Amino acid sequence: MCGKEVPYLKTALVEGAVLRVCDRCARFGEEIDEREAKKYEKGSSAVVEKLEMRERRMRERDILEEEEVLAPDYSDRVREARMKSGLTKEELAKRINEKRSVVAKIESGELVPDEELRKKLEKFLGINLMVKVEPVHVQRKSGERRGLTLGDLIRIEK
């Protein structure tokens, strides 16, 4: 890396590249032997795997596409499922190992259940409290070329 002429070069992995470097430059990476260096040759499975992972990570995607959120009527769903099962709030609370007040607040909509509690309720009552979010499609005026702003989203919701 530095260009220094030395009688012996070490093989080092520096930021994902296998290089033959002097002792001083070897500290910028991890010293590896020749067998390990072959893993990083072009087309090797380790390199291909890392490149594929990077590609998946960098791929542009819509964050709201296929996202699930808690249903707006989660409290009604819990109450109806509990009543259909013939349980009181106290009995449901005991069965899911929670306090009666927690169940009461969920049914009244005062408390939004966290993921762990939501999963307990879904499993015990046999219901689904999550709904898929529909993607928001914005129609632009003809000739308009600017990006979507927060103001655009607020107008859509009204």
C-alpha atoms as a PDB file:
ATOM      1  CA  MET A   1       0.000   0.000   0.000  1.00  0.00           C
ATOM      2  CA  CYS A   2       2.772   2.406   0.909  1.00  0.00           C
ATOM      3  CA  GLY A   3       5.061   1.378  -1.949  1.00  0.00           C
ATOM      4  CA  LYS A   4       7.979   0.551   0.311  1.00  0.00           C
ATOM      5  CA  GLU A   5      10.304  -2.102  -1.134  1.00  0.00           C
ATOM      6  CA  VAL A   6      10.697  -4.977   1.332  1.00  0.00           C
ATOM      7  CA  PRO A   7      12.068  -8.503   0.930  1.00  0.00           C
ATOM      8  CA  TYR A   8       8.971 -10.117   2.451  1.00  0.00           C
ATOM      9  CA  LEU A   9       5.293  -9.214   2.057  1.00  0.00           C
ATOM     10  CA  LYS A  10       2.453 -10.338   4.283  1.00  0.00           C
ATOM     11  CA  THR A  11      -1.029 -11.229   3.088  1.00  0.00           C
ATOM     12  CA  ALA A  12      -3.672  -9.082   4.782  1.00  0.00           C
ATOM     13  CA  LEU A  13      -7.387  -8.497   4.486  1.00  0.00           C
ATOM     14  CA  VAL A  14      -7.866  -4.724   4.334  1.00  0.00           C
ATOM     15  CA  GLU A  15     -11.469  -3.471   4.103  1.00  0.00           C
ATOM     16  CA  GLY A  16     -12.583  -6.622   2.296  1.00  0.00           C
ATOM     17  CA  ALA A  17      -9.655  -6.745  -0.153  1.00  0.00           C
ATOM     18  CA  VAL A  18      -6.812  -9.279   0.033  1.00  0.00           C
ATOM     19  CA  LEU A  19      -3.518  -7.410  -0.350  1.00  0.00           C
ATOM     20  CA  ARG A  20       0.164  -8.271  -0.128  1.00  0.00           C
ATOM     21  CA  VAL A  21       1.619  -5.567   2.132  1.00  0.00           C
ATOM     22  CA  CYS A  22       4.654  -4.690   4.252  1.00  0.00           C
ATOM     23  CA  ASP A  23       4.719  -5.096   8.048  1.00  0.00           C
ATOM     24  CA  ARG A  24       3.665  -1.492   8.667  1.00  0.00           C
ATOM     25  CA  CYS A  25       0.725  -1.583   6.265  1.00  0.00           C
ATOM     26  CA  ALA A  26      -0.455  -4.961   7.607  1.00  0.00           C
ATOM     27  CA  ARG A  27      -1.705  -3.192  10.746  1.00  0.00           C
ATOM     28  CA  PHE A  28      -4.450  -1.517   8.677  1.00  0.00           C
ATOM     29  CA  GLY A  29      -6.100  -4.880   8.155  1.00  0.00           C
ATOM     30  CA  GLU A  30      -6.149  -8.420   9.448  1.00  0.00           C
ATOM     31  CA  GLU A  31      -3.243 -10.705   8.671  1.00  0.00           C
ATOM     32  CA  ILE A  32      -4.436 -13.908   6.984  1.00  0.00           C
ATOM     33  CA  ASP A  33      -2.739 -16.984   5.555  1.00  0.00           C
ATOM     34  CA  GLU A  34      -2.901 -18.101   1.916  1.00  0.00           C
ATOM     35  CA  ARG A  35      -5.739 -20.586   2.580  1.00  0.00           C
ATOM     36  CA  GLU A  36      -7.935 -17.827   3.978  1.00  0.00           C
ATOM     37  CA  ALA A  37      -7.004 -15.532   1.089  1.00  0.00           C
ATOM     38  CA  LYS A  38      -8.544 -18.012  -1.373  1.00  0.00           C
ATOM     39  CA  LYS A  39     -11.942 -17.518   0.303  1.00  0.00           C
ATOM     40  CA  TYR A  40     -11.888 -13.911  -0.854  1.00  0.00           C
ATOM     41  CA  GLU A  41     -10.957 -14.531  -4.479  1.00  0.00           C
ATOM     42  CA  LYS A  42     -13.308 -13.078  -7.047  1.00  0.00           C
ATOM     43  CA  GLY A  43     -16.362 -15.282  -7.381  1.00  0.00           C
ATOM     44  CA  SER A  44     -15.779 -17.143  -4.129  1.00  0.00           C
ATOM     45  CA  SER A  45     -18.880 -17.854  -2.083  1.00  0.00           C
ATOM     46  CA  ALA A  46     -17.884 -15.555   0.799  1.00  0.00           C
ATOM     47  CA  VAL A  47     -17.416 -12.565  -1.500  1.00  0.00           C
ATOM     48  CA  VAL A  48     -20.563 -13.305  -3.476  1.00  0.00           C
ATOM     49  CA  GLU A  49     -22.538 -13.679  -0.252  1.00  0.00           C
ATOM     50  CA  LYS A  50     -21.266 -10.348   1.094  1.00  0.00           C
ATOM     51  CA  LEU A  51     -22.051  -8.601  -2.194  1.00  0.00           C
ATOM     52  CA  GLU A  52     -25.564 -10.058  -2.256  1.00  0.00           C
ATOM     53  CA  MET A  53     -26.147  -8.944   1.341  1.00  0.00           C
ATOM     54  CA  ARG A  54     -24.961  -5.441   0.465  1.00  0.00           C
ATOM     55  CA  GLU A  55     -27.212  -5.365  -2.592  1.00  0.00           C
ATOM     56  CA  ARG A  56     -30.259  -6.431  -0.553  1.00  0.00           C
ATOM     57  CA  ARG A  57     -29.455  -3.833   2.100  1.00  0.00           C
ATOM     58  CA  MET A  58     -28.976  -1.045  -0.439  1.00  0.00           C
ATOM     59  CA  ARG A  59     -32.033  -1.887  -2.553  1.00  0.00           C
ATOM     60  CA  GLU A  60     -34.555   0.908  -2.499  1.00  0.00           C
ATOM     61  CA  ARG A  61     -37.845  -0.136  -0.989  1.00  0.00           C
ATOM     62  CA  ASP A  62     -41.051   1.469   0.142  1.00  0.00           C
ATOM     63  CA  ILE A  63     -41.116   1.355   3.934  1.00  0.00           C
ATOM     64  CA  LEU A  64     -44.908   1.290   4.070  1.00  0.00           C
ATOM     65  CA  GLU A  65     -45.264  -1.492   1.533  1.00  0.00           C
ATOM     66  CA  GLU A  66     -46.411  -4.660   3.269  1.00  0.00           C
ATOM     67  CA  GLU A  67     -46.148  -3.097   6.734  1.00  0.00           C
ATOM     68  CA  GLU A  68     -48.547  -4.195   9.435  1.00  0.00           C
ATOM     69  CA  VAL A  69     -49.788  -1.956  12.225  1.00  0.00           C
ATOM     70  CA  LEU A  70     -52.080  -2.413  15.195  1.00  0.00           C
ATOM     71  CA  ALA A  71     -55.709  -2.366  14.083  1.00  0.00           C
ATOM     72  CA  PRO A  72     -57.561   0.829  15.017  1.00  0.00           C
ATOM     73  CA  ASP A  73     -60.340  -1.291  16.554  1.00  0.00           C
ATOM     74  CA  TYR A  74     -57.982  -3.501  18.584  1.00  0.00           C
ATOM     75  CA  SER A  75     -59.897  -2.799  21.809  1.00  0.00           C
ATOM     76  CA  ASP A  76     -63.202  -3.991  20.298  1.00  0.00           C
ATOM     77  CA  ARG A  77     -61.546  -7.102  18.882  1.00  0.00           C
ATOM     78  CA  VAL A  78     -60.119  -8.052  22.292  1.00  0.00           C
ATOM     79  CA  ARG A  79     -63.395  -7.390  24.123  1.00  0.00           C
ATOM     80  CA  GLU A  80     -65.495  -9.352  21.597  1.00  0.00           C
ATOM     81  CA  ALA A  81     -63.092 -12.322  21.592  1.00  0.00           C
ATOM     82  CA  ARG A  82     -63.018 -12.388  25.403  1.00  0.00           C
ATOM     83  CA  MET A  83     -66.800 -12.296  25.643  1.00  0.00           C
ATOM     84  CA  LYS A  84     -67.151 -14.937  22.927  1.00  0.00           C
ATOM     85  CA  SER A  85     -64.844 -17.188  24.990  1.00  0.00           C
ATOM     86  CA  GLY A  86     -67.079 -16.614  28.015  1.00  0.00           C
ATOM     87  CA  LEU A  87     -64.270 -15.178  30.143  1.00  0.00           C
ATOM     88  CA  THR A  88     -64.324 -12.276  32.562  1.00  0.00           C
ATOM     89  CA  LYS A  89     -61.570  -9.659  32.518  1.00  0.00           C
ATOM     90  CA  GLU A  90     -60.087 -11.233  35.646  1.00  0.00           C
ATOM     91  CA  GLU A  91     -60.020 -14.722  34.085  1.00  0.00           C
ATOM     92  CA  LEU A  92     -58.407 -13.477  30.881  1.00  0.00           C
ATOM     93  CA  ALA A  93     -55.851 -11.524  32.895  1.00  0.00           C
ATOM     94  CA  LYS A  94     -54.918 -14.630  34.918  1.00  0.00           C
ATOM     95  CA  ARG A  95     -54.629 -16.792  31.809  1.00  0.00           C
ATOM     96  CA  ILE A  96     -52.263 -14.387  30.041  1.00  0.00           C
ATOM     97  CA  ASN A  97     -50.418 -13.550  33.285  1.00  0.00           C
ATOM     98  CA  GLU A  98     -51.373  -9.870  33.374  1.00  0.00           C
ATOM     99  CA  LYS A  99     -53.302  -7.634  35.782  1.00  0.00           C
ATOM    100  CA  ARG A 100     -57.028  -7.119  35.411  1.00  0.00           C
ATOM    101  CA  SER A 101     -56.449  -3.374  35.017  1.00  0.00           C
ATOM    102  CA  VAL A 102     -54.236  -4.007  31.979  1.00  0.00           C
ATOM    103  CA  VAL A 103     -57.001  -5.990  30.275  1.00  0.00           C
ATOM    104  CA  ALA A 104     -59.572  -3.332  31.203  1.00  0.00           C
ATOM    105  CA  LYS A 105     -57.415  -0.517  29.810  1.00  0.00           C
ATOM    106  CA  ILE A 106     -56.787  -2.426  26.574  1.00  0.00           C
ATOM    107  CA  GLU A 107     -60.507  -3.052  26.108  1.00  0.00           C
ATOM    108  CA  SER A 108     -61.297   0.611  26.741  1.00  0.00           C
ATOM    109  CA  GLY A 109     -58.552   1.750  24.347  1.00  0.00           C
ATOM    110  CA  GLU A 110     -56.611   3.571  27.067  1.00  0.00           C
ATOM    111  CA  LEU A 111     -53.613   1.236  26.712  1.00  0.00           C
ATOM    112  CA  VAL A 112     -51.934   0.228  23.471  1.00  0.00           C
ATOM    113  CA  PRO A 113     -50.458  -3.240  23.965  1.00  0.00           C
ATOM    114  CA  ASP A 114     -46.755  -3.693  23.295  1.00  0.00           C
ATOM    115  CA  GLU A 115     -45.646  -6.468  20.944  1.00  0.00           C
ATOM    116  CA  GLU A 116     -45.270  -9.089  23.682  1.00  0.00           C
ATOM    117  CA  LEU A 117     -48.725  -8.440  25.161  1.00  0.00           C
ATOM    118  CA  ARG A 118     -50.285  -8.249  21.695  1.00  0.00           C
ATOM    119  CA  LYS A 119     -48.872 -11.662  20.810  1.00  0.00           C
ATOM    120  CA  LYS A 120     -50.184 -13.141  24.085  1.00  0.00           C
ATOM    121  CA  LEU A 121     -53.659 -11.811  23.382  1.00  0.00           C
ATOM    122  CA  GLU A 122     -53.618 -12.989  19.772  1.00  0.00           C
ATOM    123  CA  LYS A 123     -52.475 -16.465  20.725  1.00  0.00           C
ATOM    124  CA  PHE A 124     -54.828 -16.971  23.643  1.00  0.00           C
ATOM    125  CA  LEU A 125     -57.930 -15.443  22.054  1.00  0.00           C
ATOM    126  CA  GLY A 126     -57.217 -16.729  18.546  1.00  0.00           C
ATOM    127  CA  ILE A 127     -57.522 -13.300  16.944  1.00  0.00           C
ATOM    128  CA  ASN A 128     -55.379 -11.044  14.780  1.00  0.00           C
ATOM    129  CA  LEU A 129     -54.800  -7.509  16.041  1.00  0.00           C
ATOM    130  CA  MET A 130     -52.622  -6.400  13.125  1.00  0.00           C
ATOM    131  CA  VAL A 131     -53.741  -4.992   9.757  1.00  0.00           C
ATOM    132  CA  LYS A 132     -51.767  -4.335   6.585  1.00  0.00           C
ATOM    133  CA  VAL A 133     -51.166  -0.718   5.668  1.00  0.00           C
ATOM    134  CA  GLU A 134     -52.295   0.191   2.180  1.00  0.00           C
ATOM    135  CA  PRO A 135     -49.642   2.079   0.187  1.00  0.00           C
ATOM    136  CA  VAL A 136     -50.397   5.782  -0.296  1.00  0.00           C
ATOM    137  CA  HIS A 137     -50.516   6.815  -3.947  1.00  0.00           C
ATOM    138  CA  VAL A 138     -50.153  10.517  -4.613  1.00  0.00           C
ATOM    139  CA  GLN A 139     -51.405  12.019  -7.842  1.00  0.00           C
ATOM    140  CA  ARG A 140     -49.257  14.851  -9.029  1.00  0.00           C
ATOM    141  CA  LYS A 141     -50.352  17.765 -11.132  1.00  0.00           C
ATOM    142  CA  SER A 142     -49.191  17.447 -14.716  1.00  0.00           C
ATOM    143  CA  GLY A 143     -45.736  18.890 -15.223  1.00  0.00           C
ATOM    144  CA  GLU A 144     -44.958  18.835 -11.510  1.00  0.00           C
ATOM    145  CA  ARG A 145     -41.531  17.370 -10.808  1.00  0.00           C
ATOM    146  CA  ARG A 146     -40.800  17.975  -7.145  1.00  0.00           C
ATOM    147  CA  GLY A 147     -40.662  15.174  -4.571  1.00  0.00           C
ATOM    148  CA  LEU A 148     -43.327  14.242  -2.053  1.00  0.00           C
ATOM    149  CA  THR A 149     -43.374  16.477   1.037  1.00  0.00           C
ATOM    150  CA  LEU A 150     -44.896  16.076   4.498  1.00  0.00           C
ATOM    151  CA  GLY A 151     -47.458  18.674   3.503  1.00  0.00           C
ATOM    152  CA  ASP A 152     -48.561  16.449   0.616  1.00  0.00           C
ATOM    153  CA  LEU A 153     -49.159  13.587   3.014  1.00  0.00           C
ATOM    154  CA  ILE A 154     -51.149  15.771   5.395  1.00  0.00           C
ATOM    155  CA  ARG A 155     -53.405  16.903   2.514  1.00  0.00           C
ATOM    156  CA  ILE A 156     -53.941  13.276   1.505  1.00  0.00           C
ATOM    157  CA  GLU A 157     -55.093  12.284   5.000  1.00  0.00           C
ATOM    158  CA  LYS A 158     -57.742  15.065   5.165  1.00  0.00           C
END
